[in-house]
Structures are given as C-alpha cells and as structure tokens.
Amino acid sequence: MKIYTSYFANVRNLSENIVPISIARYARHWEGFKYFPLAPDGETLKMPLREYTEKFHSKLSKLNVKNIIEELKAISDESDIALLCYEKPGDFCHRRLVAEWIEKETGMVVPEYQTLLVQKKEETKQPKLF
C-alpha cells in the first residue's frame, strides 16, 4: 500500500486505484472514508501556527504508526490511499505533518499527489526540435 496526501478539491484527479480518506476534523459534504485519529482536535485548530504544530506533533508522538497504517490498510482493503484535508499544496496543512511523521517513523515516502501529476505532465512534454 502506498500512501499519498492530497486535498478535497483534487479528489477527482486521483487515480481510480487510490482510496481517498479524510483526516480533517470537519469534513463537510464528504461522503467518503474518514479517519479521525489523524485529525487535529477543535482546540488545536484555533491555535496560532507554531502552537498548532507543537500540539499536533505531540499528538502524533503518542500514536503507534504501525497500528495506524494497519487500520488504514483495513479501511482501504489494502489499496493505495490519499490522506485528505482542505488546504491546497503550498499552504500549511496538517496532512504534511502526518506525512513527515509516517516518513520519519517508517522510512516510507509519502508524497503529495498533486506534485506527481505535475511531474508526469512535465515528463510527457515533447522535446523541442530546434
């Protein structure tokens, strides 16, 4: 199982083999899978960025990454997944904190899916002849 990150507005661009899973605290209008252990709590969402990051890192440090991955495998029936929230790439978002935590704890690479699409488009450009 590969793990990616992405955002709700990009779900339509995900490969059909990737199961989108919300890790947002409040996923309005989202009918798909939700996984709250990786969502920030309501109090954290109100904090300034530095405090938010510290509190969220503290939350992640109390979780067992192997158990989290096993639960995500069960939810996705062992398919590749994309962990979702609202912010577009480049904006601060807790999904990247989650990705960095998974990478640090497991050695897995957890890329942003949008980045993969941009890279793929660049690779398929026809070279200049002159």
C-alpha atoms as a PDB file:
ATOM      1  CA  MET A   1       0.000   0.000   0.000  1.00  0.00           C
ATOM      2  CA  LYS A   2       1.299   3.420  -0.981  1.00  0.00           C
ATOM      3  CA  ILE A   3       0.253   6.493   0.960  1.00  0.00           C
ATOM      4  CA  TYR A   4      -0.181   9.896  -0.657  1.00  0.00           C
ATOM      5  CA  THR A   5      -1.563  13.183   0.589  1.00  0.00           C
ATOM      6  CA  SER A   6      -3.971  15.406  -1.288  1.00  0.00           C
ATOM      7  CA  TYR A   7      -6.894  17.782  -0.766  1.00  0.00           C
ATOM      8  CA  PHE A   8     -10.630  17.527  -1.281  1.00  0.00           C
ATOM      9  CA  ALA A   9     -10.702  19.674  -4.442  1.00  0.00           C
ATOM     10  CA  ASN A  10      -8.184  17.304  -6.058  1.00  0.00           C
ATOM     11  CA  VAL A  11     -10.072  14.052  -5.392  1.00  0.00           C
ATOM     12  CA  ARG A  12     -11.432  13.967  -8.944  1.00  0.00           C
ATOM     13  CA  ASN A  13      -7.826  13.828 -10.210  1.00  0.00           C
ATOM     14  CA  LEU A  14      -6.790  10.845  -8.093  1.00  0.00           C
ATOM     15  CA  SER A  15      -6.172   7.561  -9.844  1.00  0.00           C
ATOM     16  CA  GLU A  16      -9.183   5.274  -9.550  1.00  0.00           C
ATOM     17  CA  ASN A  17      -6.936   2.807  -7.669  1.00  0.00           C
ATOM     18  CA  ILE A  18      -6.354   5.275  -4.822  1.00  0.00           C
ATOM     19  CA  VAL A  19      -8.811   5.337  -1.925  1.00  0.00           C
ATOM     20  CA  PRO A  20      -9.332   8.877  -0.592  1.00  0.00           C
ATOM     21  CA  ILE A  21      -9.559   9.124   3.211  1.00  0.00           C
ATOM     22  CA  SER A  22     -10.360  12.335   5.050  1.00  0.00           C
ATOM     23  CA  ILE A  23      -8.148  13.233   8.005  1.00  0.00           C
ATOM     24  CA  ALA A  24      -9.914  16.573   8.504  1.00  0.00           C
ATOM     25  CA  ARG A  25     -11.690  17.263  11.783  1.00  0.00           C
ATOM     26  CA  TYR A  26     -14.707  18.723   9.998  1.00  0.00           C
ATOM     27  CA  ALA A  27     -15.203  17.171   6.550  1.00  0.00           C
ATOM     28  CA  ARG A  28     -18.350  18.948   5.423  1.00  0.00           C
ATOM     29  CA  HIS A  29     -20.048  17.368   2.436  1.00  0.00           C
ATOM     30  CA  TRP A  30     -17.535  14.494   2.368  1.00  0.00           C
ATOM     31  CA  GLU A  31     -19.302  11.157   1.972  1.00  0.00           C
ATOM     32  CA  GLY A  32     -16.150   9.011   1.753  1.00  0.00           C
ATOM     33  CA  PHE A  33     -13.998   7.406   4.418  1.00  0.00           C
ATOM     34  CA  LYS A  34     -12.999   9.466   7.459  1.00  0.00           C
ATOM     35  CA  TYR A  35     -10.135   8.718   9.840  1.00  0.00           C
ATOM     36  CA  PHE A  36     -10.236  10.921  12.931  1.00  0.00           C
ATOM     37  CA  PRO A  37      -7.103   9.677  14.767  1.00  0.00           C
ATOM     38  CA  LEU A  38      -5.021  11.763  12.315  1.00  0.00           C
ATOM     39  CA  ALA A  39      -7.259  14.850  12.523  1.00  0.00           C
ATOM     40  CA  PRO A  40      -6.447  17.825  14.738  1.00  0.00           C
ATOM     41  CA  ASP A  41      -8.901  18.479  17.547  1.00  0.00           C
ATOM     42  CA  GLY A  42     -11.102  21.573  17.614  1.00  0.00           C
ATOM     43  CA  GLU A  43      -8.923  23.318  20.219  1.00  0.00           C
ATOM     44  CA  THR A  44      -5.756  22.820  18.163  1.00  0.00           C
ATOM     45  CA  LEU A  45      -7.422  24.284  15.063  1.00  0.00           C
ATOM     46  CA  LYS A  46      -7.847  27.611  16.902  1.00  0.00           C
ATOM     47  CA  MET A  47      -4.173  27.917  17.884  1.00  0.00           C
ATOM     48  CA  PRO A  48      -1.502  30.067  16.233  1.00  0.00           C
ATOM     49  CA  LEU A  49       0.574  28.093  13.725  1.00  0.00           C
ATOM     50  CA  ARG A  50       3.571  27.446  15.977  1.00  0.00           C
ATOM     51  CA  GLU A  51       1.456  26.186  18.890  1.00  0.00           C
ATOM     52  CA  TYR A  52      -0.722  24.192  16.493  1.00  0.00           C
ATOM     53  CA  THR A  53       2.342  22.450  15.065  1.00  0.00           C
ATOM     54  CA  GLU A  54       3.782  21.679  18.516  1.00  0.00           C
ATOM     55  CA  LYS A  55       0.476  20.297  19.819  1.00  0.00           C
ATOM     56  CA  PHE A  56      -0.128  18.240  16.695  1.00  0.00           C
ATOM     57  CA  HIS A  57       3.403  16.786  16.805  1.00  0.00           C
ATOM     58  CA  SER A  58       2.736  15.895  20.446  1.00  0.00           C
ATOM     59  CA  LYS A  59      -0.468  14.103  19.429  1.00  0.00           C
ATOM     60  CA  LEU A  60       1.320  12.142  16.702  1.00  0.00           C
ATOM     61  CA  SER A  61       4.110  11.124  19.093  1.00  0.00           C
ATOM     62  CA  LYS A  62       1.533   9.290  21.228  1.00  0.00           C
ATOM     63  CA  LEU A  63       0.237   7.235  18.292  1.00  0.00           C
ATOM     64  CA  ASN A  64       1.622   3.930  17.064  1.00  0.00           C
ATOM     65  CA  VAL A  65       2.386   4.397  13.372  1.00  0.00           C
ATOM     66  CA  LYS A  66       2.251   0.656  12.641  1.00  0.00           C
ATOM     67  CA  ASN A  67      -1.247   0.413  14.129  1.00  0.00           C
ATOM     68  CA  ILE A  68      -2.341   3.493  12.178  1.00  0.00           C
ATOM     69  CA  ILE A  69      -1.087   2.007   8.908  1.00  0.00           C
ATOM     70  CA  GLU A  70      -2.794  -1.316   9.643  1.00  0.00           C
ATOM     71  CA  GLU A  71      -6.090   0.495  10.298  1.00  0.00           C
ATOM     72  CA  LEU A  72      -5.711   2.468   7.060  1.00  0.00           C
ATOM     73  CA  LYS A  73      -4.971  -0.784   5.186  1.00  0.00           C
ATOM     74  CA  ALA A  74      -8.163  -2.273   6.593  1.00  0.00           C
ATOM     75  CA  ILE A  75     -10.230   0.773   5.609  1.00  0.00           C
ATOM     76  CA  SER A  76      -8.838   0.760   2.043  1.00  0.00           C
ATOM     77  CA  ASP A  77      -8.821  -3.024   1.641  1.00  0.00           C
ATOM     78  CA  GLU A  78      -5.026  -2.694   1.207  1.00  0.00           C
ATOM     79  CA  SER A  79      -5.358  -0.324  -1.771  1.00  0.00           C
ATOM     80  CA  ASP A  80      -3.190   2.768  -2.127  1.00  0.00           C
ATOM     81  CA  ILE A  81      -4.625   5.738  -0.236  1.00  0.00           C
ATOM     82  CA  ALA A  82      -4.617   9.524  -0.249  1.00  0.00           C
ATOM     83  CA  LEU A  83      -4.952  11.286   3.104  1.00  0.00           C
ATOM     84  CA  LEU A  84      -7.115  14.360   2.538  1.00  0.00           C
ATOM     85  CA  CYS A  85      -7.876  17.725   4.054  1.00  0.00           C
ATOM     86  CA  TYR A  86      -8.803  21.145   2.683  1.00  0.00           C
ATOM     87  CA  GLU A  87      -5.629  23.145   2.035  1.00  0.00           C
ATOM     88  CA  LYS A  88      -4.057  23.160  -1.410  1.00  0.00           C
ATOM     89  CA  PRO A  89      -0.362  22.287  -1.861  1.00  0.00           C
ATOM     90  CA  GLY A  90       1.959  25.010  -0.622  1.00  0.00           C
ATOM     91  CA  ASP A  91      -0.407  26.135   2.144  1.00  0.00           C
ATOM     92  CA  PHE A  92       0.286  24.968   5.687  1.00  0.00           C
ATOM     93  CA  CYS A  93      -1.601  21.783   6.367  1.00  0.00           C
ATOM     94  CA  HIS A  94      -1.524  19.063   8.993  1.00  0.00           C
ATOM     95  CA  ARG A  95      -1.558  16.349   6.303  1.00  0.00           C
ATOM     96  CA  ARG A  96       2.072  17.183   5.551  1.00  0.00           C
ATOM     97  CA  LEU A  97       2.856  16.901   9.282  1.00  0.00           C
ATOM     98  CA  VAL A  98       1.248  13.449   9.167  1.00  0.00           C
ATOM     99  CA  ALA A  99       3.235  12.552   6.031  1.00  0.00           C
ATOM    100  CA  GLU A 100       6.520  13.649   7.634  1.00  0.00           C
ATOM    101  CA  TRP A 101       5.690  11.650  10.765  1.00  0.00           C
ATOM    102  CA  ILE A 102       4.956   8.490   8.744  1.00  0.00           C
ATOM    103  CA  GLU A 103       8.159   9.004   6.747  1.00  0.00           C
ATOM    104  CA  LYS A 104      10.252   9.502   9.883  1.00  0.00           C
ATOM    105  CA  GLU A 105       8.763   6.531  11.718  1.00  0.00           C
ATOM    106  CA  THR A 106       8.675   4.034   8.837  1.00  0.00           C
ATOM    107  CA  GLY A 107      11.027   5.199   6.097  1.00  0.00           C
ATOM    108  CA  MET A 108       8.098   5.230   3.633  1.00  0.00           C
ATOM    109  CA  VAL A 109       7.887   8.180   1.261  1.00  0.00           C
ATOM    110  CA  VAL A 110       4.505   9.939   1.447  1.00  0.00           C
ATOM    111  CA  PRO A 111       4.302  12.413  -1.456  1.00  0.00           C
ATOM    112  CA  GLU A 112       1.639  14.998  -2.256  1.00  0.00           C
ATOM    113  CA  TYR A 113      -0.395  13.533  -5.121  1.00  0.00           C
ATOM    114  CA  GLN A 114      -0.725  16.838  -6.990  1.00  0.00           C
ATOM    115  CA  THR A 115       3.054  17.003  -7.270  1.00  0.00           C
ATOM    116  CA  LEU A 116       3.037  13.644  -9.012  1.00  0.00           C
ATOM    117  CA  LEU A 117       0.580  14.903 -11.626  1.00  0.00           C
ATOM    118  CA  VAL A 118       2.734  17.946 -12.392  1.00  0.00           C
ATOM    119  CA  GLN A 119       5.863  15.793 -12.704  1.00  0.00           C
ATOM    120  CA  LYS A 120       4.075  13.361 -15.007  1.00  0.00           C
ATOM    121  CA  LYS A 121       2.908  16.203 -17.288  1.00  0.00           C
ATOM    122  CA  GLU A 122       6.466  17.583 -17.472  1.00  0.00           C
ATOM    123  CA  GLU A 123       7.866  14.171 -18.370  1.00  0.00           C
ATOM    124  CA  THR A 124       5.417  13.767 -21.268  1.00  0.00           C
ATOM    125  CA  LYS A 125       6.150  17.113 -22.941  1.00  0.00           C
ATOM    126  CA  GLN A 126       7.541  16.761 -26.429  1.00  0.00           C
ATOM    127  CA  PRO A 127      11.169  17.897 -26.658  1.00  0.00           C
ATOM    128  CA  LYS A 128      11.986  20.926 -28.770  1.00  0.00           C
ATOM    129  CA  LEU A 129      13.418  20.088 -32.178  1.00  0.00           C
ATOM    130  CA  PHE A 130      15.180  23.431 -32.783  1.00  0.00           C
END
